Amino acid sequence: MRSVKQLDLLIPVYTKETVEAETLAGWTIDGASAFSWLIAENGLLVALCTVAVTRWMSRYSERQAFVGSSVLYGISMWLFSQTSSLLGLIAVMALFTLAELMTAGLQQSFISRLAPEAMRGQYFAAASLRFTIGRMLAPLSLAAAEWIGYAWTFVVLGMLALGSAALYAWMFQQVGRRMEQPNASFSR
């Protein structure tokens, strides 16, 4: 659920302003309460699917998992901008949560293997910076929505996610080159 927390400024405002009241399973849900449903869905999917998605992703390389996750994040950001129906947003949140879960089980073990034992704390701290930076920049999404609109704000967020996919691909390429060198070490 960490990823959703970075969007908990933009998505509630977006859903409040764009989702019309709908009836779902006998409940009338307006834009103001739609975000609660999306957060509940995310939490439920995380609780129910983390182990299954982690097992599924273990069939793939870490590169495929990290790049694929970033690509799905980018797609889900774009899809958020393309729907204002509650059912559409629920479907997009499911895709967004899948992107989140694709790396949930891998990230800690990846860092543990990558980091020299004496520097693991620094590596874990550096890895957590992505969440800190995301939370720090999140308020800018509201300003961007005011300046360029919701659709373009989500497109920009999607492009950033696709940029991270390219960065992951480059990083794994560099790690692969380094591993091919004799006496290679990540701590240099």
N, C-alpha and C. Protein backbone atom coordinates (compact mmCIF):
# COMPACT_ATOMS: atom_id res chain seq x y z
N MET A 1 0.81 -1.19 0.00
CA MET A 1 0.00 0.00 0.00
C MET A 1 0.84 1.25 0.00
N ARG A 2 2.12 1.12 0.05
CA ARG A 2 2.98 2.32 0.07
C ARG A 2 2.75 3.18 -1.16
N SER A 3 2.59 2.54 -2.32
CA SER A 3 2.44 3.30 -3.55
C SER A 3 1.17 4.14 -3.56
N VAL A 4 0.09 3.59 -3.03
CA VAL A 4 -1.16 4.34 -3.00
C VAL A 4 -1.02 5.56 -2.11
N LYS A 5 -0.26 5.46 -1.04
CA LYS A 5 -0.11 6.59 -0.14
C LYS A 5 0.53 7.78 -0.85
N GLN A 6 1.33 7.52 -1.87
CA GLN A 6 1.93 8.61 -2.61
C GLN A 6 0.90 9.31 -3.49
N LEU A 7 -0.18 8.63 -3.76
CA LEU A 7 -1.23 9.22 -4.59
C LEU A 7 -2.43 9.66 -3.77
N ASP A 8 -2.34 9.58 -2.45
CA ASP A 8 -3.51 9.89 -1.65
C ASP A 8 -3.84 11.37 -1.60
N LEU A 9 -3.15 12.17 -2.33
CA LEU A 9 -3.56 13.56 -2.51
C LEU A 9 -4.32 13.74 -3.82
N LEU A 10 -3.81 13.16 -4.89
CA LEU A 10 -4.39 13.37 -6.21
C LEU A 10 -5.66 12.55 -6.43
N ILE A 11 -5.64 11.28 -6.11
CA ILE A 11 -6.78 10.42 -6.43
C ILE A 11 -8.05 10.81 -5.66
N PRO A 12 -7.98 11.17 -4.35
CA PRO A 12 -9.23 11.56 -3.70
C PRO A 12 -9.87 12.80 -4.33
N VAL A 13 -9.04 13.76 -4.69
CA VAL A 13 -9.58 14.97 -5.32
C VAL A 13 -10.15 14.62 -6.69
N TYR A 14 -9.42 13.80 -7.44
CA TYR A 14 -9.88 13.37 -8.76
C TYR A 14 -11.21 12.63 -8.67
N THR A 15 -11.31 11.67 -7.75
CA THR A 15 -12.56 10.90 -7.65
C THR A 15 -13.71 11.77 -7.18
N LYS A 16 -13.44 12.68 -6.26
CA LYS A 16 -14.51 13.56 -5.76
C LYS A 16 -15.06 14.45 -6.87
N GLU A 17 -14.17 14.91 -7.73
CA GLU A 17 -14.60 15.85 -8.77
C GLU A 17 -15.10 15.17 -10.04
N THR A 18 -14.75 13.90 -10.27
CA THR A 18 -15.10 13.29 -11.55
C THR A 18 -16.07 12.13 -11.47
N VAL A 19 -16.15 11.44 -10.34
CA VAL A 19 -17.02 10.27 -10.24
C VAL A 19 -18.43 10.71 -9.86
N GLU A 20 -19.37 10.38 -10.71
CA GLU A 20 -20.78 10.65 -10.43
C GLU A 20 -21.29 9.56 -9.49
N ALA A 21 -22.33 9.87 -8.73
CA ALA A 21 -22.92 8.89 -7.82
C ALA A 21 -23.39 7.67 -8.61
N GLU A 22 -23.00 6.49 -8.13
CA GLU A 22 -23.36 5.23 -8.77
C GLU A 22 -23.87 4.27 -7.70
N THR A 23 -24.68 3.32 -8.12
CA THR A 23 -25.14 2.29 -7.21
C THR A 23 -24.38 1.01 -7.54
N LEU A 24 -23.75 0.45 -6.52
CA LEU A 24 -22.97 -0.77 -6.68
C LEU A 24 -23.37 -1.72 -5.57
N ALA A 25 -23.92 -2.87 -5.93
CA ALA A 25 -24.36 -3.88 -4.97
C ALA A 25 -25.31 -3.28 -3.93
N GLY A 26 -26.18 -2.37 -4.38
CA GLY A 26 -27.16 -1.77 -3.49
C GLY A 26 -26.65 -0.57 -2.70
N TRP A 27 -25.40 -0.22 -2.86
CA TRP A 27 -24.83 0.93 -2.14
C TRP A 27 -24.69 2.07 -3.13
N THR A 28 -25.06 3.26 -2.71
CA THR A 28 -24.85 4.44 -3.54
C THR A 28 -23.52 5.06 -3.14
N ILE A 29 -22.64 5.16 -4.12
CA ILE A 29 -21.29 5.64 -3.87
C ILE A 29 -21.06 6.88 -4.74
N ASP A 30 -20.71 7.97 -4.08
CA ASP A 30 -20.41 9.19 -4.83
C ASP A 30 -18.89 9.34 -4.93
N GLY A 31 -18.48 10.38 -5.60
CA GLY A 31 -17.05 10.62 -5.79
C GLY A 31 -16.29 10.78 -4.49
N ALA A 32 -16.93 11.37 -3.49
CA ALA A 32 -16.24 11.60 -2.22
C ALA A 32 -15.92 10.30 -1.50
N SER A 33 -16.78 9.30 -1.63
CA SER A 33 -16.51 8.03 -0.95
C SER A 33 -15.81 7.01 -1.85
N ALA A 34 -15.68 7.31 -3.13
CA ALA A 34 -15.04 6.36 -4.05
C ALA A 34 -13.59 6.07 -3.65
N PHE A 35 -12.88 7.07 -3.17
CA PHE A 35 -11.49 6.84 -2.78
C PHE A 35 -11.40 5.83 -1.65
N SER A 36 -12.31 5.87 -0.71
CA SER A 36 -12.32 4.89 0.38
C SER A 36 -12.47 3.47 -0.16
N TRP A 37 -13.32 3.31 -1.15
CA TRP A 37 -13.49 2.01 -1.77
C TRP A 37 -12.20 1.56 -2.46
N LEU A 38 -11.53 2.49 -3.11
CA LEU A 38 -10.28 2.15 -3.80
C LEU A 38 -9.19 1.75 -2.82
N ILE A 39 -9.09 2.47 -1.72
CA ILE A 39 -8.09 2.13 -0.69
C ILE A 39 -8.41 0.78 -0.06
N ALA A 40 -9.70 0.54 0.21
CA ALA A 40 -10.11 -0.75 0.77
C ALA A 40 -9.79 -1.89 -0.20
N GLU A 41 -10.05 -1.65 -1.48
CA GLU A 41 -9.72 -2.67 -2.49
C GLU A 41 -8.23 -2.95 -2.50
N ASN A 42 -7.43 -1.90 -2.50
CA ASN A 42 -5.97 -2.07 -2.50
C ASN A 42 -5.52 -2.88 -1.29
N GLY A 43 -6.01 -2.52 -0.12
CA GLY A 43 -5.63 -3.24 1.09
C GLY A 43 -6.04 -4.69 1.06
N LEU A 44 -7.25 -4.96 0.57
CA LEU A 44 -7.74 -6.33 0.47
C LEU A 44 -6.88 -7.14 -0.51
N LEU A 45 -6.60 -6.56 -1.67
CA LEU A 45 -5.79 -7.27 -2.66
C LEU A 45 -4.37 -7.52 -2.15
N VAL A 46 -3.80 -6.55 -1.44
CA VAL A 46 -2.47 -6.74 -0.88
C VAL A 46 -2.49 -7.89 0.13
N ALA A 47 -3.50 -7.90 1.00
CA ALA A 47 -3.59 -8.96 2.02
C ALA A 47 -3.81 -10.34 1.39
N LEU A 48 -4.63 -10.40 0.36
CA LEU A 48 -4.97 -11.69 -0.23
C LEU A 48 -3.98 -12.20 -1.28
N CYS A 49 -3.29 -11.29 -1.95
CA CYS A 49 -2.53 -11.69 -3.15
C CYS A 49 -1.02 -11.56 -3.05
N THR A 50 -0.48 -11.02 -1.98
CA THR A 50 0.97 -10.79 -1.91
C THR A 50 1.75 -12.08 -2.11
N VAL A 51 1.39 -13.12 -1.40
CA VAL A 51 2.14 -14.38 -1.49
C VAL A 51 2.02 -14.98 -2.89
N ALA A 52 0.81 -14.98 -3.45
CA ALA A 52 0.60 -15.57 -4.77
C ALA A 52 1.36 -14.80 -5.85
N VAL A 53 1.30 -13.48 -5.80
CA VAL A 53 2.00 -12.68 -6.82
C VAL A 53 3.52 -12.82 -6.65
N THR A 54 3.99 -12.87 -5.41
CA THR A 54 5.42 -13.05 -5.17
C THR A 54 5.89 -14.40 -5.74
N ARG A 55 5.11 -15.44 -5.51
CA ARG A 55 5.47 -16.76 -6.09
C ARG A 55 5.47 -16.70 -7.61
N TRP A 56 4.46 -16.07 -8.16
CA TRP A 56 4.36 -15.95 -9.62
C TRP A 56 5.55 -15.18 -10.17
N MET A 57 5.93 -14.10 -9.51
CA MET A 57 7.04 -13.28 -10.00
C MET A 57 8.39 -13.97 -9.83
N SER A 58 8.47 -14.97 -8.95
CA SER A 58 9.74 -15.69 -8.77
C SER A 58 10.12 -16.48 -10.02
N ARG A 59 9.18 -16.66 -10.93
CA ARG A 59 9.46 -17.34 -12.21
C ARG A 59 10.23 -16.44 -13.17
N TYR A 60 10.24 -15.15 -12.89
CA TYR A 60 10.85 -14.19 -13.79
C TYR A 60 12.13 -13.62 -13.17
N SER A 61 12.96 -13.03 -13.99
CA SER A 61 14.16 -12.39 -13.48
C SER A 61 13.78 -11.12 -12.73
N GLU A 62 14.67 -10.68 -11.88
CA GLU A 62 14.42 -9.43 -11.15
C GLU A 62 14.27 -8.27 -12.13
N ARG A 63 15.06 -8.28 -13.16
CA ARG A 63 14.94 -7.23 -14.18
C ARG A 63 13.53 -7.19 -14.74
N GLN A 64 13.00 -8.36 -15.14
CA GLN A 64 11.65 -8.40 -15.70
C GLN A 64 10.62 -7.92 -14.68
N ALA A 65 10.80 -8.29 -13.42
CA ALA A 65 9.85 -7.91 -12.38
C ALA A 65 9.85 -6.40 -12.16
N PHE A 66 11.03 -5.81 -12.00
CA PHE A 66 11.11 -4.38 -11.72
C PHE A 66 10.69 -3.54 -12.94
N VAL A 67 11.15 -3.92 -14.12
CA VAL A 67 10.76 -3.18 -15.32
C VAL A 67 9.26 -3.36 -15.59
N GLY A 68 8.79 -4.60 -15.49
CA GLY A 68 7.37 -4.87 -15.72
C GLY A 68 6.48 -4.13 -14.74
N SER A 69 6.88 -4.08 -13.48
CA SER A 69 6.11 -3.36 -12.48
C SER A 69 6.02 -1.88 -12.82
N SER A 70 7.12 -1.29 -13.21
CA SER A 70 7.12 0.13 -13.57
C SER A 70 6.26 0.40 -14.80
N VAL A 71 6.30 -0.51 -15.77
CA VAL A 71 5.46 -0.35 -16.97
C VAL A 71 3.98 -0.43 -16.59
N LEU A 72 3.62 -1.39 -15.72
CA LEU A 72 2.22 -1.48 -15.28
C LEU A 72 1.79 -0.26 -14.49
N TYR A 73 2.70 0.29 -13.66
CA TYR A 73 2.39 1.54 -12.97
C TYR A 73 2.07 2.63 -13.99
N GLY A 74 2.91 2.75 -15.01
CA GLY A 74 2.71 3.78 -16.02
C GLY A 74 1.38 3.61 -16.74
N ILE A 75 1.05 2.38 -17.10
CA ILE A 75 -0.21 2.11 -17.77
C ILE A 75 -1.39 2.44 -16.85
N SER A 76 -1.27 2.04 -15.58
CA SER A 76 -2.39 2.31 -14.66
C SER A 76 -2.57 3.80 -14.43
N MET A 77 -1.49 4.57 -14.42
CA MET A 77 -1.63 6.03 -14.28
C MET A 77 -2.41 6.59 -15.46
N TRP A 78 -2.07 6.15 -16.65
CA TRP A 78 -2.78 6.63 -17.83
C TRP A 78 -4.25 6.22 -17.76
N LEU A 79 -4.50 4.97 -17.35
CA LEU A 79 -5.88 4.49 -17.27
C LEU A 79 -6.70 5.23 -16.23
N PHE A 80 -6.07 5.66 -15.13
CA PHE A 80 -6.80 6.48 -14.15
C PHE A 80 -7.37 7.71 -14.84
N SER A 81 -6.60 8.29 -15.73
CA SER A 81 -7.05 9.52 -16.39
C SER A 81 -8.14 9.27 -17.42
N GLN A 82 -8.35 8.02 -17.79
CA GLN A 82 -9.29 7.70 -18.85
C GLN A 82 -10.66 7.26 -18.35
N THR A 83 -10.84 7.17 -17.04
CA THR A 83 -12.13 6.72 -16.52
C THR A 83 -12.58 7.58 -15.35
N SER A 84 -13.87 7.71 -15.28
CA SER A 84 -14.46 8.39 -14.13
C SER A 84 -15.58 7.56 -13.54
N SER A 85 -15.72 6.32 -14.01
CA SER A 85 -16.74 5.44 -13.43
C SER A 85 -16.11 4.66 -12.27
N LEU A 86 -16.91 4.36 -11.29
CA LEU A 86 -16.41 3.63 -10.13
C LEU A 86 -15.88 2.26 -10.52
N LEU A 87 -16.61 1.53 -11.35
CA LEU A 87 -16.15 0.20 -11.75
C LEU A 87 -14.85 0.28 -12.55
N GLY A 88 -14.73 1.30 -13.38
CA GLY A 88 -13.48 1.50 -14.12
C GLY A 88 -12.32 1.77 -13.18
N LEU A 89 -12.55 2.63 -12.19
CA LEU A 89 -11.49 2.94 -11.23
C LEU A 89 -11.12 1.72 -10.39
N ILE A 90 -12.11 0.89 -10.07
CA ILE A 90 -11.82 -0.35 -9.32
C ILE A 90 -10.93 -1.27 -10.15
N ALA A 91 -11.22 -1.37 -11.45
CA ALA A 91 -10.39 -2.20 -12.33
C ALA A 91 -8.97 -1.64 -12.44
N VAL A 92 -8.87 -0.33 -12.57
CA VAL A 92 -7.54 0.29 -12.67
C VAL A 92 -6.77 0.12 -11.36
N MET A 93 -7.45 0.23 -10.23
CA MET A 93 -6.78 0.03 -8.94
C MET A 93 -6.26 -1.40 -8.82
N ALA A 94 -6.99 -2.37 -9.37
CA ALA A 94 -6.51 -3.76 -9.34
C ALA A 94 -5.20 -3.88 -10.13
N LEU A 95 -5.13 -3.23 -11.29
CA LEU A 95 -3.90 -3.25 -12.08
C LEU A 95 -2.77 -2.53 -11.35
N PHE A 96 -3.09 -1.40 -10.75
CA PHE A 96 -2.12 -0.63 -9.98
C PHE A 96 -1.57 -1.48 -8.82
N THR A 97 -2.45 -2.21 -8.13
CA THR A 97 -2.04 -3.04 -7.01
C THR A 97 -1.17 -4.20 -7.50
N LEU A 98 -1.50 -4.77 -8.65
CA LEU A 98 -0.65 -5.82 -9.22
C LEU A 98 0.75 -5.28 -9.46
N ALA A 99 0.85 -4.08 -10.01
CA ALA A 99 2.16 -3.46 -10.23
C ALA A 99 2.91 -3.32 -8.92
N GLU A 100 2.20 -2.94 -7.88
CA GLU A 100 2.81 -2.78 -6.55
C GLU A 100 3.31 -4.12 -6.03
N LEU A 101 2.52 -5.16 -6.18
CA LEU A 101 2.86 -6.47 -5.63
C LEU A 101 3.95 -7.20 -6.42
N MET A 102 4.14 -6.83 -7.66
CA MET A 102 5.15 -7.50 -8.48
C MET A 102 6.55 -7.41 -7.88
N THR A 103 6.82 -6.36 -7.15
CA THR A 103 8.16 -6.21 -6.56
C THR A 103 8.15 -6.27 -5.04
N ALA A 104 6.98 -6.42 -4.44
CA ALA A 104 6.89 -6.40 -2.98
C ALA A 104 7.78 -7.45 -2.32
N GLY A 105 7.76 -8.66 -2.82
CA GLY A 105 8.56 -9.71 -2.22
C GLY A 105 10.01 -9.71 -2.67
N LEU A 106 10.28 -9.10 -3.80
CA LEU A 106 11.63 -9.15 -4.36
C LEU A 106 12.56 -8.06 -3.86
N GLN A 107 12.01 -6.90 -3.53
CA GLN A 107 12.87 -5.74 -3.29
C GLN A 107 13.82 -5.93 -2.11
N GLN A 108 13.34 -6.50 -1.01
CA GLN A 108 14.21 -6.66 0.16
C GLN A 108 15.31 -7.68 -0.10
N SER A 109 14.96 -8.81 -0.71
CA SER A 109 15.98 -9.82 -0.99
C SER A 109 16.97 -9.31 -2.03
N PHE A 110 16.50 -8.53 -2.98
CA PHE A 110 17.39 -7.97 -4.00
C PHE A 110 18.43 -7.05 -3.35
N ILE A 111 17.98 -6.20 -2.47
CA ILE A 111 18.90 -5.27 -1.80
C ILE A 111 19.87 -6.04 -0.91
N SER A 112 19.37 -7.06 -0.22
CA SER A 112 20.25 -7.86 0.65
C SER A 112 21.36 -8.52 -0.14
N ARG A 113 21.04 -9.04 -1.31
CA ARG A 113 22.06 -9.68 -2.15
C ARG A 113 23.00 -8.66 -2.77
N LEU A 114 22.48 -7.51 -3.11
CA LEU A 114 23.26 -6.48 -3.79
C LEU A 114 24.26 -5.81 -2.86
N ALA A 115 23.87 -5.58 -1.63
CA ALA A 115 24.66 -4.77 -0.70
C ALA A 115 25.73 -5.61 0.00
N PRO A 116 26.93 -5.04 0.12
CA PRO A 116 27.93 -5.69 0.97
C PRO A 116 27.41 -5.69 2.41
N GLU A 117 27.74 -6.71 3.16
CA GLU A 117 27.18 -6.87 4.51
C GLU A 117 27.36 -5.64 5.38
N ALA A 118 28.51 -5.00 5.30
CA ALA A 118 28.80 -3.84 6.15
C ALA A 118 28.00 -2.60 5.73
N MET A 119 27.40 -2.62 4.54
CA MET A 119 26.71 -1.43 4.03
C MET A 119 25.21 -1.65 3.81
N ARG A 120 24.67 -2.74 4.32
CA ARG A 120 23.26 -3.05 4.06
C ARG A 120 22.32 -1.97 4.56
N GLY A 121 22.58 -1.42 5.72
CA GLY A 121 21.73 -0.36 6.24
C GLY A 121 21.67 0.83 5.31
N GLN A 122 22.81 1.21 4.76
CA GLN A 122 22.84 2.34 3.83
C GLN A 122 22.08 2.02 2.55
N TYR A 123 22.21 0.79 2.07
CA TYR A 123 21.51 0.39 0.86
C TYR A 123 19.99 0.40 1.08
N PHE A 124 19.55 -0.13 2.24
CA PHE A 124 18.11 -0.12 2.53
C PHE A 124 17.60 1.31 2.69
N ALA A 125 18.39 2.16 3.31
CA ALA A 125 17.99 3.57 3.47
C ALA A 125 17.88 4.24 2.10
N ALA A 126 18.85 3.98 1.23
CA ALA A 126 18.80 4.56 -0.11
C ALA A 126 17.58 4.06 -0.88
N ALA A 127 17.26 2.78 -0.73
CA ALA A 127 16.10 2.22 -1.42
C ALA A 127 14.80 2.85 -0.93
N SER A 128 14.73 3.20 0.34
CA SER A 128 13.50 3.80 0.87
C SER A 128 13.34 5.26 0.44
N LEU A 129 14.37 5.83 -0.14
CA LEU A 129 14.26 7.22 -0.61
C LEU A 129 13.19 7.40 -1.67
N ARG A 130 12.92 6.36 -2.44
CA ARG A 130 11.89 6.49 -3.49
C ARG A 130 10.54 6.83 -2.90
N PHE A 131 10.22 6.26 -1.71
CA PHE A 131 8.96 6.57 -1.06
C PHE A 131 8.99 7.97 -0.48
N THR A 132 10.10 8.34 0.09
CA THR A 132 10.24 9.67 0.68
C THR A 132 10.13 10.74 -0.40
N ILE A 133 10.82 10.54 -1.49
CA ILE A 133 10.76 11.50 -2.59
C ILE A 133 9.35 11.56 -3.17
N GLY A 134 8.71 10.41 -3.30
CA GLY A 134 7.34 10.37 -3.81
C GLY A 134 6.38 11.16 -2.93
N ARG A 135 6.50 10.98 -1.60
CA ARG A 135 5.64 11.72 -0.68
C ARG A 135 5.95 13.21 -0.71
N MET A 136 7.21 13.54 -0.91
CA MET A 136 7.61 14.94 -0.93
C MET A 136 7.06 15.63 -2.20
N LEU A 137 7.06 14.91 -3.30
CA LEU A 137 6.62 15.50 -4.56
C LEU A 137 5.11 15.38 -4.79
N ALA A 138 4.43 14.54 -4.00
CA ALA A 138 3.00 14.30 -4.19
C ALA A 138 2.16 15.59 -4.21
N PRO A 139 2.43 16.57 -3.33
CA PRO A 139 1.61 17.79 -3.40
C PRO A 139 1.71 18.51 -4.75
N LEU A 140 2.80 18.30 -5.46
CA LEU A 140 2.93 18.93 -6.78
C LEU A 140 1.89 18.40 -7.76
N SER A 141 1.42 17.17 -7.52
CA SER A 141 0.41 16.61 -8.43
C SER A 141 -0.88 17.42 -8.38
N LEU A 142 -1.22 17.95 -7.21
CA LEU A 142 -2.42 18.79 -7.12
C LEU A 142 -2.22 20.11 -7.87
N ALA A 143 -1.05 20.68 -7.73
CA ALA A 143 -0.77 21.91 -8.47
C ALA A 143 -0.76 21.64 -9.97
N ALA A 144 -0.17 20.52 -10.35
CA ALA A 144 -0.14 20.16 -11.78
C ALA A 144 -1.55 19.95 -12.31
N ALA A 145 -2.41 19.31 -11.51
CA ALA A 145 -3.80 19.09 -11.95
C ALA A 145 -4.51 20.42 -12.17
N GLU A 146 -4.20 21.39 -11.34
CA GLU A 146 -4.80 22.73 -11.50
C GLU A 146 -4.27 23.41 -12.77
N TRP A 147 -2.98 23.25 -13.04
CA TRP A 147 -2.36 23.93 -14.18
C TRP A 147 -2.64 23.24 -15.51
N ILE A 148 -2.50 21.90 -15.53
CA ILE A 148 -2.59 21.19 -16.82
C ILE A 148 -3.76 20.21 -16.88
N GLY A 149 -4.51 20.08 -15.81
CA GLY A 149 -5.66 19.18 -15.78
C GLY A 149 -5.29 17.78 -15.29
N TYR A 150 -6.32 17.05 -14.90
CA TYR A 150 -6.09 15.71 -14.36
C TYR A 150 -5.49 14.77 -15.40
N ALA A 151 -6.04 14.80 -16.60
CA ALA A 151 -5.58 13.86 -17.62
C ALA A 151 -4.07 14.00 -17.85
N TRP A 152 -3.61 15.21 -18.03
CA TRP A 152 -2.18 15.42 -18.28
C TRP A 152 -1.34 15.14 -17.03
N THR A 153 -1.88 15.39 -15.87
CA THR A 153 -1.14 15.08 -14.64
C THR A 153 -0.92 13.58 -14.53
N PHE A 154 -1.96 12.79 -14.80
CA PHE A 154 -1.80 11.34 -14.77
C PHE A 154 -0.85 10.87 -15.88
N VAL A 155 -0.91 11.51 -17.03
CA VAL A 155 0.02 11.16 -18.11
C VAL A 155 1.46 11.42 -17.68
N VAL A 156 1.70 12.57 -17.05
CA VAL A 156 3.06 12.88 -16.57
C VAL A 156 3.51 11.84 -15.54
N LEU A 157 2.62 11.48 -14.61
CA LEU A 157 2.97 10.45 -13.62
C LEU A 157 3.26 9.12 -14.31
N GLY A 158 2.47 8.79 -15.32
CA GLY A 158 2.72 7.57 -16.08
C GLY A 158 4.06 7.60 -16.80
N MET A 159 4.39 8.76 -17.34
CA MET A 159 5.69 8.90 -18.02
C MET A 159 6.84 8.76 -17.03
N LEU A 160 6.67 9.28 -15.83
CA LEU A 160 7.70 9.11 -14.81
C LEU A 160 7.88 7.63 -14.47
N ALA A 161 6.78 6.90 -14.38
CA ALA A 161 6.86 5.46 -14.12
C ALA A 161 7.56 4.74 -15.27
N LEU A 162 7.25 5.12 -16.50
CA LEU A 162 7.93 4.51 -17.65
C LEU A 162 9.41 4.89 -17.66
N GLY A 163 9.71 6.11 -17.22
CA GLY A 163 11.11 6.51 -17.07
C GLY A 163 11.83 5.64 -16.04
N SER A 164 11.12 5.29 -14.98
CA SER A 164 11.75 4.41 -13.98
C SER A 164 11.97 3.02 -14.56
N ALA A 165 11.10 2.57 -15.46
CA ALA A 165 11.31 1.28 -16.12
C ALA A 165 12.61 1.32 -16.93
N ALA A 166 12.82 2.43 -17.65
CA ALA A 166 14.06 2.58 -18.41
C ALA A 166 15.27 2.64 -17.48
N LEU A 167 15.12 3.31 -16.36
CA LEU A 167 16.22 3.39 -15.39
C LEU A 167 16.54 2.02 -14.81
N TYR A 168 15.51 1.24 -14.48
CA TYR A 168 15.74 -0.12 -13.99
C TYR A 168 16.45 -0.97 -15.06
N ALA A 169 15.99 -0.87 -16.30
CA ALA A 169 16.63 -1.64 -17.38
C ALA A 169 18.10 -1.27 -17.49
N TRP A 170 18.40 0.01 -17.44
CA TRP A 170 19.79 0.48 -17.50
C TRP A 170 20.59 -0.04 -16.30
N MET A 171 19.98 0.05 -15.10
CA MET A 171 20.66 -0.40 -13.89
C MET A 171 21.00 -1.88 -13.98
N PHE A 172 20.06 -2.70 -14.40
CA PHE A 172 20.33 -4.13 -14.50
C PHE A 172 21.38 -4.42 -15.58
N GLN A 173 21.41 -3.62 -16.62
CA GLN A 173 22.45 -3.77 -17.64
C GLN A 173 23.82 -3.48 -17.04
N GLN A 174 23.91 -2.42 -16.23
CA GLN A 174 25.18 -2.08 -15.58
C GLN A 174 25.61 -3.16 -14.59
N VAL A 175 24.65 -3.67 -13.82
CA VAL A 175 24.96 -4.74 -12.86
C VAL A 175 25.45 -5.97 -13.61
N GLY A 176 24.80 -6.30 -14.73
CA GLY A 176 25.22 -7.44 -15.54
C GLY A 176 26.64 -7.28 -16.05
N ARG A 177 26.98 -6.10 -16.52
CA ARG A 177 28.35 -5.85 -16.98
C ARG A 177 29.35 -5.99 -15.85
N ARG A 178 28.99 -5.48 -14.71
CA ARG A 178 29.90 -5.53 -13.56
C ARG A 178 30.11 -6.97 -13.09
N MET A 179 29.06 -7.77 -13.16
CA MET A 179 29.17 -9.16 -12.74
C MET A 179 30.06 -9.96 -13.68
N GLU A 180 30.14 -9.54 -14.93
CA GLU A 180 30.98 -10.24 -15.91
C GLU A 180 32.46 -9.96 -15.69
N GLN A 181 32.78 -8.86 -15.01
CA GLN A 181 34.17 -8.51 -14.76
C GLN A 181 34.74 -9.37 -13.64
N PRO A 182 35.99 -9.81 -13.78
CA PRO A 182 36.60 -10.58 -12.69
C PRO A 182 36.78 -9.70 -11.45
N ASN A 183 36.58 -10.30 -10.28
CA ASN A 183 36.72 -9.60 -9.01
C ASN A 183 35.76 -8.42 -8.89
N ALA A 184 34.60 -8.53 -9.49
CA ALA A 184 33.62 -7.44 -9.44
C ALA A 184 33.02 -7.33 -8.05
N SER A 185 32.77 -6.10 -7.66
CA SER A 185 32.10 -5.83 -6.38
C SER A 185 31.16 -4.67 -6.58
N PHE A 186 30.00 -4.73 -5.93
CA PHE A 186 29.02 -3.65 -6.03
C PHE A 186 29.40 -2.46 -5.18
N SER A 187 30.31 -2.62 -4.24
CA SER A 187 30.59 -1.56 -3.28
C SER A 187 31.60 -0.56 -3.78
N ARG A 188 32.09 -0.70 -4.96
CA ARG A 188 33.08 0.24 -5.49
C ARG A 188 32.49 1.57 -5.78
